[in-house]
C-alpha cells in the first residue's frame, strides 16, 4: 500500500493510507511507537505529545472534506481522552 501526506494545519498532518486494513493498522501502530520516541534538538531529547484520529474508508461516498472532518472529530476525542489513537465512529458526533 502507498501513503500520501497532507499538511492540514500548523500542528496537524493528514495521512491517506492506501493499503489493506491489516497493513494500515500496522502503519498506525508503528506511527504510535515512532512519535513517542524523543527528538534530539541541540543534543537535548524533546518529547512530543502526538495524538491520532482516523477514519476508515471502504468506498468514497461523500466529499473528501467530510472524511477529513470525521478524522478531526476522532482526533479531538483522542486529545480529550488522552489516547494515542482513536477511530471515527458515528457516536462521536452524536456526543458533541
C-alpha atoms as a PDB file:
ATOM      1  CA  UNK A   1       0.000   0.000   0.000  1.00  0.00           C
ATOM      2  CA  UNK A   2       1.035   3.596  -0.506  1.00  0.00           C
ATOM      3  CA  UNK A   3       0.839   6.663   1.688  1.00  0.00           C
ATOM      4  CA  UNK A   4       0.133  10.301   0.872  1.00  0.00           C
ATOM      5  CA  UNK A   5       0.658  13.111   3.402  1.00  0.00           C
ATOM      6  CA  UNK A   6      -1.150  16.462   3.534  1.00  0.00           C
ATOM      7  CA  UNK A   7      -0.381  19.374   5.841  1.00  0.00           C
ATOM      8  CA  UNK A   8      -3.788  20.452   7.168  1.00  0.00           C
ATOM      9  CA  UNK A   9      -2.889  22.856   9.976  1.00  0.00           C
ATOM     10  CA  UNK A  10       0.163  24.257  11.777  1.00  0.00           C
ATOM     11  CA  UNK A  11       0.063  21.297  14.167  1.00  0.00           C
ATOM     12  CA  UNK A  12      -1.746  18.694  12.048  1.00  0.00           C
ATOM     13  CA  UNK A  13      -0.787  16.290   9.325  1.00  0.00           C
ATOM     14  CA  UNK A  14      -3.240  14.100   7.403  1.00  0.00           C
ATOM     15  CA  UNK A  15      -2.120  10.746   6.026  1.00  0.00           C
ATOM     16  CA  UNK A  16      -4.012   8.768   3.428  1.00  0.00           C
ATOM     17  CA  UNK A  17      -3.098   5.087   3.756  1.00  0.00           C
ATOM     18  CA  UNK A  18      -3.921   3.044   0.680  1.00  0.00           C
ATOM     19  CA  UNK A  19      -3.291  -0.490   1.858  1.00  0.00           C
ATOM     20  CA  UNK A  20      -5.278  -3.334   3.287  1.00  0.00           C
ATOM     21  CA  UNK A  21      -6.938  -2.839   6.671  1.00  0.00           C
ATOM     22  CA  UNK A  22      -4.262  -5.044   8.284  1.00  0.00           C
ATOM     23  CA  UNK A  23      -1.425  -3.100   6.633  1.00  0.00           C
ATOM     24  CA  UNK A  24      -2.921   0.244   7.644  1.00  0.00           C
ATOM     25  CA  UNK A  25      -3.340  -0.969  11.244  1.00  0.00           C
ATOM     26  CA  UNK A  26       0.364  -1.905  11.326  1.00  0.00           C
ATOM     27  CA  UNK A  27       1.306   1.539   9.968  1.00  0.00           C
ATOM     28  CA  UNK A  28      -0.789   3.228  12.688  1.00  0.00           C
ATOM     29  CA  UNK A  29       0.826   1.074  15.388  1.00  0.00           C
ATOM     30  CA  UNK A  30       4.297   1.899  14.058  1.00  0.00           C
ATOM     31  CA  UNK A  31       3.437   5.609  13.938  1.00  0.00           C
ATOM     32  CA  UNK A  32       2.253   5.453  17.557  1.00  0.00           C
ATOM     33  CA  UNK A  33       5.596   3.975  18.588  1.00  0.00           C
ATOM     34  CA  UNK A  34       7.704   6.364  16.495  1.00  0.00           C
ATOM     35  CA  UNK A  35       6.042   9.557  17.751  1.00  0.00           C
ATOM     36  CA  UNK A  36       6.733   8.517  21.350  1.00  0.00           C
ATOM     37  CA  UNK A  37      10.481   8.465  20.678  1.00  0.00           C
ATOM     38  CA  UNK A  38      12.261  11.671  21.738  1.00  0.00           C
ATOM     39  CA  UNK A  39      13.535  14.043  19.046  1.00  0.00           C
ATOM     40  CA  UNK A  40      17.039  15.413  19.591  1.00  0.00           C
ATOM     41  CA  UNK A  41      17.355  19.211  19.413  1.00  0.00           C
ATOM     42  CA  UNK A  42      20.866  20.537  20.146  1.00  0.00           C
ATOM     43  CA  UNK A  43      21.508  17.167  21.823  1.00  0.00           C
ATOM     44  CA  UNK A  44      18.528  17.691  24.153  1.00  0.00           C
ATOM     45  CA  UNK A  45      15.861  14.964  23.957  1.00  0.00           C
ATOM     46  CA  UNK A  46      12.465  16.573  23.311  1.00  0.00           C
ATOM     47  CA  UNK A  47       9.328  14.504  23.850  1.00  0.00           C
ATOM     48  CA  UNK A  48       6.492  15.431  21.520  1.00  0.00           C
ATOM     49  CA  UNK A  49       2.953  14.559  22.506  1.00  0.00           C
ATOM     50  CA  UNK A  50       1.076  13.317  19.457  1.00  0.00           C
ATOM     51  CA  UNK A  51      -2.476  12.082  19.049  1.00  0.00           C
ATOM     52  CA  UNK A  52      -4.074  10.417  16.025  1.00  0.00           C
ATOM     53  CA  UNK A  53      -7.657  10.303  14.839  1.00  0.00           C
ATOM     54  CA  UNK A  54      -8.568   8.263  11.806  1.00  0.00           C
ATOM     55  CA  UNK A  55     -11.478   7.271   9.641  1.00  0.00           C
ATOM     56  CA  UNK A  56     -11.623   4.043   7.657  1.00  0.00           C
ATOM     57  CA  UNK A  57     -12.830   4.277   4.050  1.00  0.00           C
ATOM     58  CA  UNK A  58     -14.105   1.275   2.156  1.00  0.00           C
ATOM     59  CA  UNK A  59     -15.696   3.302  -0.623  1.00  0.00           C
ATOM     60  CA  UNK A  60     -15.719   7.046  -1.076  1.00  0.00           C
ATOM     61  CA  UNK A  61     -19.375   8.046  -0.982  1.00  0.00           C
ATOM     62  CA  UNK A  62     -19.092  11.632   0.288  1.00  0.00           C
ATOM     63  CA  UNK A  63     -16.996  14.720  -0.434  1.00  0.00           C
ATOM     64  CA  UNK A  64     -13.380  14.396   0.795  1.00  0.00           C
ATOM     65  CA  UNK A  65     -13.817  17.211   3.351  1.00  0.00           C
ATOM     66  CA  UNK A  66     -16.465  15.093   5.142  1.00  0.00           C
ATOM     67  CA  UNK A  67     -13.882  12.388   5.807  1.00  0.00           C
ATOM     68  CA  UNK A  68     -11.347  14.956   6.957  1.00  0.00           C
ATOM     69  CA  UNK A  69     -13.936  16.380   9.380  1.00  0.00           C
ATOM     70  CA  UNK A  70     -14.587  12.856  10.692  1.00  0.00           C
ATOM     71  CA  UNK A  71     -10.862  12.266  11.222  1.00  0.00           C
ATOM     72  CA  UNK A  72     -10.629  15.609  13.036  1.00  0.00           C
ATOM     73  CA  UNK A  73     -13.580  14.615  15.270  1.00  0.00           C
ATOM     74  CA  UNK A  74     -11.746  11.391  16.148  1.00  0.00           C
ATOM     75  CA  UNK A  75      -8.570  13.416  16.791  1.00  0.00           C
ATOM     76  CA  UNK A  76     -10.449  15.769  19.123  1.00  0.00           C
ATOM     77  CA  UNK A  77     -11.739  12.772  21.079  1.00  0.00           C
ATOM     78  CA  UNK A  78      -8.235  11.235  21.232  1.00  0.00           C
ATOM     79  CA  UNK A  79      -6.948  14.527  22.681  1.00  0.00           C
ATOM     80  CA  UNK A  80      -9.878  14.775  25.108  1.00  0.00           C
ATOM     81  CA  UNK A  81      -9.386  11.196  26.358  1.00  0.00           C
ATOM     82  CA  UNK A  82      -5.575  11.360  26.230  1.00  0.00           C
ATOM     83  CA  UNK A  83      -5.482   8.364  23.864  1.00  0.00           C
ATOM     84  CA  UNK A  84      -2.783   7.743  21.265  1.00  0.00           C
ATOM     85  CA  UNK A  85      -5.209   6.678  18.510  1.00  0.00           C
ATOM     86  CA  UNK A  86      -8.992   6.977  18.117  1.00  0.00           C
ATOM     87  CA  UNK A  87     -11.049   5.702  15.192  1.00  0.00           C
ATOM     88  CA  UNK A  88     -14.064   7.687  13.982  1.00  0.00           C
ATOM     89  CA  UNK A  89     -17.489   6.318  14.770  1.00  0.00           C
ATOM     90  CA  UNK A  90     -20.902   7.987  14.357  1.00  0.00           C
ATOM     91  CA  UNK A  91     -21.285   8.064  18.168  1.00  0.00           C
ATOM     92  CA  UNK A  92     -18.500  10.668  18.367  1.00  0.00           C
ATOM     93  CA  UNK A  93     -20.626  13.221  16.519  1.00  0.00           C
ATOM     94  CA  UNK A  94     -23.790  12.419  18.486  1.00  0.00           C
ATOM     95  CA  UNK A  95     -21.912  13.017  21.785  1.00  0.00           C
ATOM     96  CA  UNK A  96     -20.972  16.583  20.820  1.00  0.00           C
END
